[in-house]
Structure formats: C-alpha cells, structure tokens
C-alpha cells in the first residue's frame, strides 16, 4: 500500500476575473496526493483518472473508459495513486482505500464485501450494478424449476454409475421409472421480491404456462411495468407461498434488526405445501436451514447456488456453486454499467446506482461556469455555511442541487466566476475554505485537469 504522505505545490495560482471570453484552464495540481516522496518519479500523471481494479474485470466492460482520459490497472500492479476502485468478489478492506479514492463500484448487485458504512463515514460513494446480471440469474432460476421437478441430477448420477458398470444400454429404459417427475405447466410459482430478477422470472414463468403470485412491499413502478398481466399480488410472504408449488426467493440480504436474515424461517415454511420446491438464488442467509430441513424431510425440495452446512447432503436438496452471474454476458454488462456509472460521477458529479449516497442529477454545466461538488455530514447548517463561503467571493451560483441520504449529504454547484467588480479569486483557496468547514468531508473541482481537484477534510486537516 502506498504511503499517504502529503505532497503540495506552491504554484496553484489560477485566478478568475470578469470579462474573460473563456475560462482559463483550471489546474489545482492535486494529482500528487498520497505519494511516498521516494517514489516521486512515479506520481500520478496529470490528465488521467486512475482506475484500480480488484479481481478479473471484463475487458469489454472496462473498454467503456475512454483511453485518452483513463488509465485502468490492477490495484496490486499499479505504480500510481488510484482515483476510483472497481471490484467483483474481492473483500475490500479500509486499508485498500487510499486517500485519493473518490468512489468505489462493485460489478454486481450485492455489496456485502465492501465496508459500506465506513465508506459513508469517509464520504466515499459506493456504486453497484442492479439488473446487470438479472437475465443470467433469471435463467438459473428457470433451470432450478426443472431441476426441482424432474430428478435430472439423480438421473445423471445414476447413468454414470451404470456406465461405469457397462449396464447403461441395458438399463436405460428399465430404470427411468425411478426418476419420474412433474411438469411445471399449470403449477403455481410464488415470486418473493419483484425487482429486476423477480419481475423477469415472473414474466417468463407465465410464458411457460405457470400461474404466478408475487410479493414485494417495495414494488417500484419500473418493476411493476415488467410484470405479467395475470400476476396476482399477495400482501405477505406467507400468503404468497401458502398455495405455491414453487417459490423463488429474490430479495436482498440485510443484516440487523428488521433485516432479512433467516426471513424464510419456520413461520413461512410452516405454510408451504409438503412438496413445494424452494429456489434460493439470492443469498444463502435468507433461509433458516433448520426449518428448511424439516420441510425437506417431509418431501419438499430446496434448490440453491449457496453452500449450506446442514443441507448439503440431504437427498431433497440440490446445491450448486454460486453460478447466478457467472456468464460472460453478465460479467460484461456489470463491468460496463460500473464503468459508465463511475465515469458519470467522476466527470459530472451525478450519482445513480449508489448504495450509500442519494441519487443526484444536475443538468450539464453551462458554458463558462465552474462545477464544484461537496460531500458533508447530513446535519443542520452545513449547506448554509457552504453557500455563505461562496458568497464571500461574490460568486453567483448558476445552478445547484442538494440531496441527502441517512448520515450523508451531497451538493453539486455550478459557479459563474465572473465577479461584478472585476476582482479575482483563487480557486484553490476557495476549495480549501469550503473543505475545512465544519461537517464537510470532501470536495471536488470538476473542471480542468483530469485526476486533479480532489480535497478531503480528515480530522480538521486539509489533504489534497
């Protein structure tokens, strides 16, 4: 891990004055931040945003970063300070997040491998890629329907045993009665969670001739529009599952009080049909294994791509490797979505698909204006202090947006640098004063040299 030794430069003297036909280039030279002085020859070169990756990320997705402005390298091999991080399953630690990191993106929906709460405290947005792997997981759910219906796995294993004995041709017809099953047409599927994956599963199941009932207390308009027309919506998980032949679990795993840990427990499983097939391609922790074992002992089935120390060898469970998003197409789509989300945030300040920051969108920066973003603790008075500080420079705020989510607030402001009386101001000085305001965590100048313009307030000390 590179040293966080702070290097500064004295030539930050860019000024703005009224009457200029265009804004001069902004170069606050923050790109030297975070470097060991012995390694100064390899400091982050100005003019580029440095993307550090963990895991193997799809090259097709990474190609969304324009090469003329972005350098993409594995974190372990890079000789430059990173600006953003991208990862898949790597378990991120705080020490992986250098002082220069502006944002983190996971190529996937879940973010359990990222210390999101700590990143929020540091003022770093964490992004995910909802829906990028929806088709891949949906197809595995459909596969689960058939695996839970036709004893396919048992049949495959039996034929291998016969083949080893040289009896496959002799017994192939005689033994098929051992593996009878049922068809899914006309059966009822309960879909618990109607987001990207759930709504897509419901739609395709109806096309296969199934009756579909769904449950989702937070159903979005976008997902509702994707649902099949004949779906019946239930008012609880228990009511959705009680008459279902198949149940597909498609809800997020949330820890803590009021979370979803073990939500498919004895109170739900008690209402299931004795032979109901439960499919869990969401998170293993959603299911209470003890309660599920009782269901399996009574003739029910469980199909999942998560390990289970209790159910792994039960004759009525089918446990696969975690294959949900393991397709080339899903990995390409997730990486592309993550790259586009990071690029939009880095270059415009807009936020979408963040798990800890509020959705934020400000129209394109007007010509001859300067865009500044400020991340702060969500507490009274901070926004007023930010605008007051800007007013000291007699600057006009052309447009702005302030959004909050939980403990964090986020501001994007476009400033007109033309001052009424013709006086000048120093951009770096303004940024420093904004960043050191009580409650402010970081700021960025989104204008000028790529990779420059980032500043943080760490325990009252100014780091650029």
Protein backbone atom coordinates (compact mmCIF):
# COMPACT_ATOMS: atom_id res chain seq x y z
CA UNK A 1 0.00 0.00 0.00
CA UNK A 2 1.39 3.39 -0.93
CA UNK A 3 2.25 5.90 1.74
CA UNK A 4 -0.25 8.66 2.42
CA UNK A 5 2.49 11.25 2.70
CA UNK A 6 1.05 14.57 1.54
CA UNK A 7 2.88 16.50 -1.15
CA UNK A 8 1.87 20.03 -2.05
CA UNK A 9 2.89 22.51 -4.70
CA UNK A 10 3.15 26.25 -4.45
CA UNK A 11 2.19 27.14 -8.00
CA UNK A 12 -1.57 26.92 -7.51
CA UNK A 13 -2.26 30.47 -8.62
CA UNK A 14 -5.07 30.21 -11.16
CA UNK A 15 -7.43 33.14 -10.87
CA UNK A 16 -10.68 34.19 -12.48
CA UNK A 17 -11.70 37.69 -13.46
CA UNK A 18 -14.76 39.25 -15.04
CA UNK A 19 -14.60 39.99 -18.73
CA UNK A 20 -12.67 36.95 -19.89
CA UNK A 21 -14.07 35.49 -23.09
CA UNK A 22 -13.48 32.00 -21.77
CA UNK A 23 -12.41 30.43 -18.51
CA UNK A 24 -8.68 29.71 -18.30
CA UNK A 25 -7.63 26.12 -17.68
CA UNK A 26 -8.01 25.06 -14.07
CA UNK A 27 -5.04 23.14 -12.74
CA UNK A 28 -5.10 22.80 -8.99
CA UNK A 29 -2.44 20.07 -9.19
CA UNK A 30 -3.94 17.73 -6.65
CA UNK A 31 -2.67 14.72 -8.53
CA UNK A 32 0.47 14.41 -6.37
CA UNK A 33 -1.60 13.43 -3.34
CA UNK A 34 -0.87 10.24 -1.47
CA UNK A 35 2.70 9.55 -2.60
CA UNK A 36 5.85 8.46 -0.89
CA UNK A 37 8.47 11.09 -1.61
CA UNK A 38 10.96 8.37 -2.56
CA UNK A 39 8.62 7.37 -5.37
CA UNK A 40 8.09 10.87 -6.76
CA UNK A 41 9.12 9.86 -10.29
CA UNK A 42 6.02 7.67 -10.45
CA UNK A 43 3.45 10.13 -9.13
CA UNK A 44 0.03 10.03 -10.74
CA UNK A 45 0.42 11.79 -14.06
CA UNK A 46 -1.82 14.82 -14.67
CA UNK A 47 -4.52 14.50 -17.26
CA UNK A 48 -5.73 10.99 -16.36
CA UNK A 49 -8.15 9.36 -14.00
CA UNK A 50 -6.65 6.21 -12.49
CA UNK A 51 -8.97 3.22 -12.18
CA UNK A 52 -7.71 0.44 -9.92
CA UNK A 53 -9.31 -2.98 -10.25
CA UNK A 54 -9.53 -5.98 -7.94
CA UNK A 55 -10.42 -9.40 -9.36
CA UNK A 56 -10.51 -10.01 -13.08
CA UNK A 57 -12.90 -7.46 -14.59
CA UNK A 58 -14.37 -7.87 -18.08
CA UNK A 59 -12.15 -6.15 -20.63
CA UNK A 60 -15.23 -5.44 -22.71
CA UNK A 61 -16.73 -3.53 -19.80
CA UNK A 62 -13.51 -1.71 -18.94
CA UNK A 63 -13.25 -0.52 -22.54
CA UNK A 64 -16.07 1.91 -21.74
CA UNK A 65 -13.44 4.10 -20.07
CA UNK A 66 -12.00 6.42 -22.77
CA UNK A 67 -8.29 5.65 -23.01
CA UNK A 68 -7.39 9.29 -23.58
CA UNK A 69 -8.60 10.18 -20.06
CA UNK A 70 -8.43 6.94 -18.04
CA UNK A 71 -5.67 4.55 -17.02
CA UNK A 72 -7.06 1.18 -15.92
CA UNK A 73 -4.76 -1.16 -13.98
CA UNK A 74 -4.95 -3.93 -11.37
CA UNK A 75 -4.52 -2.33 -7.95
CA UNK A 76 -1.68 -4.67 -7.00
CA UNK A 77 0.35 -3.79 -10.08
CA UNK A 78 -0.25 -0.06 -10.29
CA UNK A 79 2.50 2.44 -9.63
CA UNK A 80 0.09 5.35 -9.35
CA UNK A 81 -2.39 6.60 -6.78
CA UNK A 82 -5.92 5.46 -7.59
CA UNK A 83 -8.94 7.68 -8.07
CA UNK A 84 -11.66 5.01 -8.23
CA UNK A 85 -11.85 1.31 -7.39
CA UNK A 86 -13.68 -1.48 -9.23
CA UNK A 87 -14.17 -4.99 -7.88
CA UNK A 88 -16.30 -8.10 -8.03
CA UNK A 89 -15.96 -10.57 -5.14
CA UNK A 90 -12.79 -9.18 -3.53
CA UNK A 91 -13.37 -8.42 0.15
CA UNK A 92 -12.39 -4.77 0.34
CA UNK A 93 -10.62 -3.50 3.46
CA UNK A 94 -10.26 0.08 4.60
CA UNK A 95 -6.51 -0.05 4.04
CA UNK A 96 -7.20 -0.75 0.34
CA UNK A 97 -8.88 2.64 0.07
CA UNK A 98 -6.17 5.25 -0.33
CA UNK A 99 -6.58 8.91 0.49
CA UNK A 100 -7.06 9.77 -3.18
CA UNK A 101 -10.02 7.43 -3.79
CA UNK A 102 -13.19 9.27 -4.84
CA UNK A 103 -15.55 6.34 -5.46
CA UNK A 104 -15.93 2.55 -5.41
CA UNK A 105 -18.01 0.37 -7.74
CA UNK A 106 -18.89 -3.28 -7.45
CA UNK A 107 -19.61 -5.17 -10.66
CA UNK A 108 -22.71 -6.83 -9.25
CA UNK A 109 -25.73 -6.09 -7.11
CA UNK A 110 -24.63 -7.10 -3.60
CA UNK A 111 -22.10 -5.02 -1.65
CA UNK A 112 -21.55 -7.26 1.38
CA UNK A 113 -17.85 -7.45 0.52
CA UNK A 114 -17.44 -3.68 0.90
CA UNK A 115 -17.43 -1.83 4.25
CA UNK A 116 -20.20 0.49 3.07
CA UNK A 117 -20.90 2.10 6.44
CA UNK A 118 -17.25 3.06 6.88
CA UNK A 119 -17.06 4.39 3.33
CA UNK A 120 -20.09 6.56 4.10
CA UNK A 121 -18.31 7.96 7.15
CA UNK A 122 -15.36 8.82 4.91
CA UNK A 123 -17.62 10.47 2.32
CA UNK A 124 -16.93 7.92 -0.43
CA UNK A 125 -19.87 6.78 -2.59
CA UNK A 126 -20.25 3.07 -3.26
CA UNK A 127 -21.96 2.03 -6.50
CA UNK A 128 -23.42 -1.27 -7.66
CA UNK A 129 -24.92 -2.55 -10.90
CA UNK A 130 -28.56 -3.52 -10.26
CA UNK A 131 -30.06 -5.51 -13.08
CA UNK A 132 -26.79 -6.20 -14.89
CA UNK A 133 -26.92 -9.89 -14.01
CA UNK A 134 -30.73 -10.15 -13.96
CA UNK A 135 -31.04 -12.26 -17.09
CA UNK A 136 -28.27 -14.65 -16.03
CA UNK A 137 -29.83 -15.23 -12.61
CA UNK A 138 -33.33 -15.46 -14.10
CA UNK A 139 -32.17 -18.22 -16.44
CA UNK A 140 -30.67 -20.11 -13.49
CA UNK A 141 -33.97 -19.77 -11.60
CA UNK A 142 -35.76 -21.30 -14.59
CA UNK A 143 -33.17 -24.05 -14.58
CA UNK A 144 -33.98 -24.55 -10.90
CA UNK A 145 -37.63 -25.08 -11.77
CA UNK A 146 -36.70 -28.05 -13.93
CA UNK A 147 -34.04 -29.38 -11.55
CA UNK A 148 -36.65 -29.40 -8.79
CA UNK A 149 -39.26 -31.11 -10.99
CA UNK A 150 -37.66 -33.90 -12.96
CA UNK A 151 -34.93 -35.55 -10.81
CA UNK A 152 -32.43 -34.65 -13.50
CA UNK A 153 -29.40 -34.65 -11.21
CA UNK A 154 -30.32 -38.06 -9.79
CA UNK A 155 -30.76 -39.40 -13.30
CA UNK A 156 -27.37 -38.12 -14.45
CA UNK A 157 -25.61 -39.66 -11.46
CA UNK A 158 -27.43 -42.98 -11.99
CA UNK A 159 -26.42 -43.17 -15.65
CA UNK A 160 -22.78 -42.52 -14.73
CA UNK A 161 -22.91 -45.42 -12.28
CA UNK A 162 -24.47 -47.69 -14.91
CA UNK A 163 -21.95 -46.58 -17.48
CA UNK A 164 -19.10 -47.49 -15.16
CA UNK A 165 -20.62 -50.97 -14.87
CA UNK A 166 -21.25 -51.29 -18.61
CA UNK A 167 -25.01 -51.52 -17.97
CA UNK A 168 -26.24 -48.18 -19.35
CA UNK A 169 -27.78 -49.52 -22.58
CA UNK A 170 -29.39 -52.45 -20.83
CA UNK A 171 -30.97 -50.42 -18.02
CA UNK A 172 -31.70 -47.04 -19.65
CA UNK A 173 -35.37 -47.87 -20.29
CA UNK A 174 -35.96 -50.10 -17.27
CA UNK A 175 -34.71 -47.59 -14.73
CA UNK A 176 -36.43 -44.45 -16.00
CA UNK A 177 -39.37 -45.11 -13.68
CA UNK A 178 -37.04 -44.36 -10.78
CA UNK A 179 -36.86 -40.72 -11.84
CA UNK A 180 -40.41 -39.68 -12.54
CA UNK A 181 -41.29 -36.05 -12.10
CA UNK A 182 -43.93 -33.46 -12.84
CA UNK A 183 -44.45 -30.69 -15.37
CA UNK A 184 -44.42 -27.02 -14.41
CA UNK A 185 -47.23 -26.02 -16.78
CA UNK A 186 -50.35 -25.17 -14.79
CA UNK A 187 -48.44 -25.10 -11.50
CA UNK A 188 -48.19 -22.04 -9.25
CA UNK A 189 -44.96 -20.08 -8.80
CA UNK A 190 -44.59 -17.62 -5.92
CA UNK A 191 -42.01 -14.92 -6.58
CA UNK A 192 -40.85 -13.22 -3.38
CA UNK A 193 -39.22 -9.96 -4.45
CA UNK A 194 -40.18 -8.34 -7.74
CA UNK A 195 -37.12 -6.35 -8.69
CA UNK A 196 -35.09 -6.86 -11.86
CA UNK A 197 -34.70 -10.62 -11.39
CA UNK A 198 -38.08 -11.32 -9.80
CA UNK A 199 -40.14 -9.45 -12.38
CA UNK A 200 -38.23 -11.09 -15.23
CA UNK A 201 -38.71 -14.53 -13.64
CA UNK A 202 -42.45 -13.90 -13.20
CA UNK A 203 -42.85 -12.85 -16.82
CA UNK A 204 -41.05 -15.88 -18.26
CA UNK A 205 -42.79 -18.30 -15.89
CA UNK A 206 -46.17 -17.10 -17.14
CA UNK A 207 -44.99 -17.66 -20.71
CA UNK A 208 -44.22 -21.26 -19.69
CA UNK A 209 -47.83 -21.71 -18.63
CA UNK A 210 -47.45 -21.19 -14.89
CA UNK A 211 -49.76 -19.29 -12.57
CA UNK A 212 -47.76 -16.56 -10.86
CA UNK A 213 -48.28 -14.89 -7.50
CA UNK A 214 -45.88 -12.23 -6.27
CA UNK A 215 -44.97 -10.32 -3.14
CA UNK A 216 -42.90 -7.16 -2.82
CA UNK A 217 -43.79 -4.38 -0.36
CA UNK A 218 -41.41 -2.01 -2.13
CA UNK A 219 -42.51 -2.68 -5.69
CA UNK A 220 -41.25 0.10 -7.97
CA UNK A 221 -43.17 1.48 -10.92
CA UNK A 222 -40.36 0.34 -13.22
CA UNK A 223 -40.60 -3.25 -12.00
CA UNK A 224 -44.40 -3.21 -11.93
CA UNK A 225 -44.47 -2.36 -15.62
CA UNK A 226 -42.44 -5.52 -16.34
CA UNK A 227 -44.81 -7.88 -14.52
CA UNK A 228 -47.07 -10.30 -16.41
CA UNK A 229 -50.64 -9.08 -16.75
CA UNK A 230 -52.15 -12.08 -14.97
CA UNK A 231 -49.92 -11.99 -11.88
CA UNK A 232 -51.68 -11.96 -8.52
CA UNK A 233 -50.05 -9.78 -5.85
CA UNK A 234 -50.15 -11.06 -2.27
CA UNK A 235 -49.99 -8.98 0.91
CA UNK A 236 -47.39 -11.11 2.71
CA UNK A 237 -44.72 -13.73 2.07
CA UNK A 238 -46.81 -16.37 3.82
CA UNK A 239 -49.90 -15.71 1.71
CA UNK A 240 -47.84 -15.70 -1.50
CA UNK A 241 -46.21 -19.03 -0.68
CA UNK A 242 -49.01 -20.97 1.00
CA UNK A 243 -50.55 -22.38 -2.20
CA UNK A 244 -47.43 -22.34 -4.38
CA UNK A 245 -45.84 -25.39 -5.93
CA UNK A 246 -42.61 -23.46 -6.44
CA UNK A 247 -41.16 -20.48 -4.57
CA UNK A 248 -38.43 -18.24 -5.96
CA UNK A 249 -36.66 -16.03 -3.40
CA UNK A 250 -35.38 -12.80 -4.95
CA UNK A 251 -34.86 -10.36 -2.06
CA UNK A 252 -31.69 -8.67 -0.77
CA UNK A 253 -29.89 -9.82 2.32
CA UNK A 254 -30.00 -7.16 5.04
CA UNK A 255 -28.32 -7.68 8.40
CA UNK A 256 -29.52 -6.43 11.77
CA UNK A 257 -32.88 -5.72 13.35
CA UNK A 258 -35.65 -5.53 10.80
CA UNK A 259 -33.38 -7.19 8.24
CA UNK A 260 -33.90 -10.29 6.14
CA UNK A 261 -31.59 -12.77 7.86
CA UNK A 262 -33.46 -16.09 8.08
CA UNK A 263 -36.65 -14.49 6.75
CA UNK A 264 -37.64 -17.80 5.15
CA UNK A 265 -37.95 -19.49 8.52
CA UNK A 266 -40.35 -21.78 10.32
CA UNK A 267 -43.20 -19.23 10.28
CA UNK A 268 -43.09 -19.17 6.47
CA UNK A 269 -42.09 -22.78 5.83
CA UNK A 270 -44.93 -23.98 8.07
CA UNK A 271 -47.39 -22.61 5.45
CA UNK A 272 -45.79 -24.36 2.45
CA UNK A 273 -47.25 -27.30 0.59
CA UNK A 274 -45.48 -30.51 1.67
CA UNK A 275 -43.92 -31.00 -1.78
CA UNK A 276 -43.17 -27.34 -2.55
CA UNK A 277 -39.86 -26.59 -4.26
CA UNK A 278 -38.00 -23.61 -2.76
CA UNK A 279 -35.43 -21.90 -5.02
CA UNK A 280 -32.92 -19.54 -3.47
CA UNK A 281 -30.58 -17.81 -5.90
CA UNK A 282 -30.48 -14.60 -3.84
CA UNK A 283 -28.49 -15.17 -0.61
CA UNK A 284 -27.97 -18.27 1.49
CA UNK A 285 -28.53 -16.39 4.74
CA UNK A 286 -32.15 -15.67 3.82
CA UNK A 287 -33.12 -19.25 4.63
CA UNK A 288 -33.29 -20.84 8.09
CA UNK A 289 -31.55 -24.17 7.46
CA UNK A 290 -33.11 -25.95 10.45
CA UNK A 291 -36.62 -25.04 9.32
CA UNK A 292 -35.81 -25.95 5.72
CA UNK A 293 -34.52 -29.37 6.78
CA UNK A 294 -37.90 -30.15 8.34
CA UNK A 295 -39.55 -29.22 5.02
CA UNK A 296 -37.14 -31.47 3.10
CA UNK A 297 -37.69 -34.35 5.49
CA UNK A 298 -41.39 -34.11 4.66
CA UNK A 299 -40.87 -34.33 0.89
CA UNK A 300 -40.16 -30.75 -0.10
CA UNK A 301 -37.16 -29.69 -2.17
CA UNK A 302 -34.56 -26.94 -1.98
CA UNK A 303 -32.50 -25.67 -4.94
CA UNK A 304 -29.83 -23.03 -4.39
CA UNK A 305 -26.41 -21.83 -5.53
CA UNK A 306 -25.21 -21.11 -2.00
CA UNK A 307 -23.47 -23.55 0.38
CA UNK A 308 -25.31 -24.90 3.40
CA UNK A 309 -23.51 -26.89 6.08
CA UNK A 310 -26.72 -28.61 7.18
CA UNK A 311 -28.46 -29.30 3.87
CA UNK A 312 -25.58 -30.05 1.54
CA UNK A 313 -26.08 -33.84 1.52
CA UNK A 314 -29.84 -34.04 2.00
CA UNK A 315 -31.45 -36.18 -0.69
CA UNK A 316 -34.01 -33.45 -1.40
CA UNK A 317 -31.57 -30.55 -1.75
CA UNK A 318 -29.69 -29.53 -4.88
CA UNK A 319 -26.84 -27.15 -4.09
CA UNK A 320 -24.80 -25.67 -6.91
CA UNK A 321 -21.71 -23.45 -6.98
CA UNK A 322 -22.61 -19.75 -6.90
CA UNK A 323 -23.34 -19.56 -10.62
CA UNK A 324 -26.01 -16.85 -10.70
CA UNK A 325 -24.00 -14.18 -12.51
CA UNK A 326 -21.32 -16.48 -13.91
CA UNK A 327 -21.92 -15.86 -17.58
CA UNK A 328 -19.74 -13.95 -19.97
CA UNK A 329 -22.66 -11.69 -20.86
CA UNK A 330 -23.47 -10.83 -17.23
CA UNK A 331 -19.85 -10.03 -16.42
CA UNK A 332 -19.58 -7.80 -19.49
CA UNK A 333 -22.80 -5.97 -18.64
CA UNK A 334 -21.91 -5.49 -14.96
CA UNK A 335 -18.45 -4.12 -15.78
CA UNK A 336 -19.84 -1.81 -18.46
CA UNK A 337 -22.53 -0.48 -16.13
CA UNK A 338 -20.00 0.09 -13.34
CA UNK A 339 -17.62 1.89 -15.71
CA UNK A 340 -20.35 4.15 -17.04
CA UNK A 341 -21.61 4.95 -13.53
CA UNK A 342 -18.12 5.82 -12.30
CA UNK A 343 -17.37 7.92 -15.36
CA UNK A 344 -20.58 9.88 -14.94
CA UNK A 345 -19.82 10.55 -11.29
CA UNK A 346 -16.18 11.46 -11.84
CA UNK A 347 -16.82 13.79 -14.78
CA UNK A 348 -20.22 15.34 -13.96
CA UNK A 349 -20.79 14.72 -10.27
CA UNK A 350 -24.10 12.98 -10.94
CA UNK A 351 -24.98 9.92 -8.86
CA UNK A 352 -27.03 6.89 -9.83
CA UNK A 353 -26.98 3.32 -8.54
CA UNK A 354 -25.26 4.21 -5.28
CA UNK A 355 -26.00 2.15 -2.18
CA UNK A 356 -25.00 4.87 0.30
CA UNK A 357 -25.32 8.24 -1.48
CA UNK A 358 -28.55 9.89 -2.69
CA UNK A 359 -29.49 9.87 -6.39
CA UNK A 360 -28.33 13.24 -7.73
CA UNK A 361 -28.56 14.76 -11.18
CA UNK A 362 -27.78 18.32 -12.23
CA UNK A 363 -28.13 19.43 -15.87
CA UNK A 364 -24.98 19.83 -17.92
CA UNK A 365 -22.66 22.56 -16.69
CA UNK A 366 -23.42 25.81 -18.54
CA UNK A 367 -20.65 27.26 -20.68
CA UNK A 368 -18.10 29.38 -18.80
CA UNK A 369 -19.05 28.05 -15.40
CA UNK A 370 -17.16 26.02 -12.84
CA UNK A 371 -18.63 22.92 -11.16
CA UNK A 372 -17.81 22.08 -7.55
CA UNK A 373 -19.13 19.13 -5.52
CA UNK A 374 -19.16 18.95 -1.74
CA UNK A 375 -19.77 15.89 0.45
CA UNK A 376 -20.78 16.62 4.01
CA UNK A 377 -22.36 15.17 7.11
CA UNK A 378 -26.13 15.48 6.99
CA UNK A 379 -26.65 17.97 9.77
CA UNK A 380 -28.24 21.43 10.06
CA UNK A 381 -26.32 24.49 8.93
CA UNK A 382 -23.72 22.93 6.65
CA UNK A 383 -25.41 23.90 3.39
CA UNK A 384 -25.89 27.44 4.64
CA UNK A 385 -22.20 27.65 5.53
CA UNK A 386 -21.22 26.38 2.06
CA UNK A 387 -23.29 28.99 0.23
CA UNK A 388 -22.14 31.70 2.64
CA UNK A 389 -18.49 30.84 1.94
CA UNK A 390 -19.12 31.09 -1.80
CA UNK A 391 -20.89 34.42 -1.36
CA UNK A 392 -17.76 35.86 0.29
CA UNK A 393 -16.14 35.65 -3.13
CA UNK A 394 -19.10 37.47 -4.74
CA UNK A 395 -19.69 34.44 -6.95
CA UNK A 396 -23.07 33.67 -8.46
CA UNK A 397 -24.42 30.12 -8.11
CA UNK A 398 -25.90 29.43 -11.55
CA UNK A 399 -27.49 26.12 -10.57
CA UNK A 400 -27.19 23.72 -7.68
CA UNK A 401 -28.67 20.61 -6.09
CA UNK A 402 -28.51 19.34 -2.52
CA UNK A 403 -29.54 15.78 -1.72
CA UNK A 404 -29.25 13.70 1.44
CA UNK A 405 -29.44 10.06 2.45
CA UNK A 406 -29.09 8.97 6.04
CA UNK A 407 -25.93 10.44 7.54
CA UNK A 408 -24.60 11.89 4.28
CA UNK A 409 -25.45 14.96 2.19
CA UNK A 410 -24.19 15.77 -1.28
CA UNK A 411 -24.03 19.06 -3.17
CA UNK A 412 -23.31 19.94 -6.78
CA UNK A 413 -22.90 23.64 -7.59
CA UNK A 414 -22.16 25.46 -10.85
CA UNK A 415 -20.47 28.81 -10.24
CA UNK A 416 -20.13 31.81 -12.54
CA UNK A 417 -16.53 33.00 -12.00
CA UNK A 418 -17.25 36.47 -13.45
CA UNK A 419 -17.18 38.79 -10.42
CA UNK A 420 -19.20 42.02 -10.61
CA UNK A 421 -16.44 44.41 -9.52
CA UNK A 422 -13.79 42.78 -11.67
CA UNK A 423 -11.82 41.39 -8.73
CA UNK A 424 -10.19 37.99 -8.88
CA UNK A 425 -10.32 34.87 -6.74
CA UNK A 426 -8.12 31.84 -6.24
CA UNK A 427 -9.88 28.54 -6.89
CA UNK A 428 -7.61 26.52 -4.61
CA UNK A 429 -8.20 28.93 -1.73
CA UNK A 430 -11.96 28.72 -2.17
CA UNK A 431 -11.82 24.93 -2.24
CA UNK A 432 -9.69 24.77 0.88
CA UNK A 433 -12.04 27.02 2.83
CA UNK A 434 -15.07 25.03 1.69
CA UNK A 435 -13.43 21.72 2.54
CA UNK A 436 -12.42 22.79 6.04
CA UNK A 437 -15.93 23.91 7.00
CA UNK A 438 -17.33 22.02 9.97
CA UNK A 439 -19.13 18.89 8.75
CA UNK A 440 -17.59 18.86 5.26
CA UNK A 441 -15.82 15.60 4.32
CA UNK A 442 -14.52 16.29 0.82
CA UNK A 443 -14.84 18.47 -2.27
CA UNK A 444 -14.02 18.25 -5.95
CA UNK A 445 -13.47 20.76 -8.75
CA UNK A 446 -14.91 19.18 -11.90
CA UNK A 447 -13.15 21.37 -14.37
CA UNK A 448 -9.65 21.31 -15.77
CA UNK A 449 -7.03 18.61 -15.49
CA UNK A 450 -8.37 15.06 -15.26
CA UNK A 451 -7.43 13.49 -11.95
CA UNK A 452 -6.92 16.83 -10.21
CA UNK A 453 -9.18 18.86 -7.97
CA UNK A 454 -9.97 16.47 -5.09
CA UNK A 455 -9.63 17.55 -1.46
CA UNK A 456 -10.55 15.94 1.87
CA UNK A 457 -11.09 17.11 5.41
CA UNK A 458 -9.56 14.46 7.66
CA UNK A 459 -9.98 15.33 11.33
CA UNK A 460 -9.72 19.03 10.54
CA UNK A 461 -6.60 18.67 8.38
CA UNK A 462 -6.63 19.60 4.69
CA UNK A 463 -5.49 16.87 2.32
CA UNK A 464 -5.24 17.41 -1.44
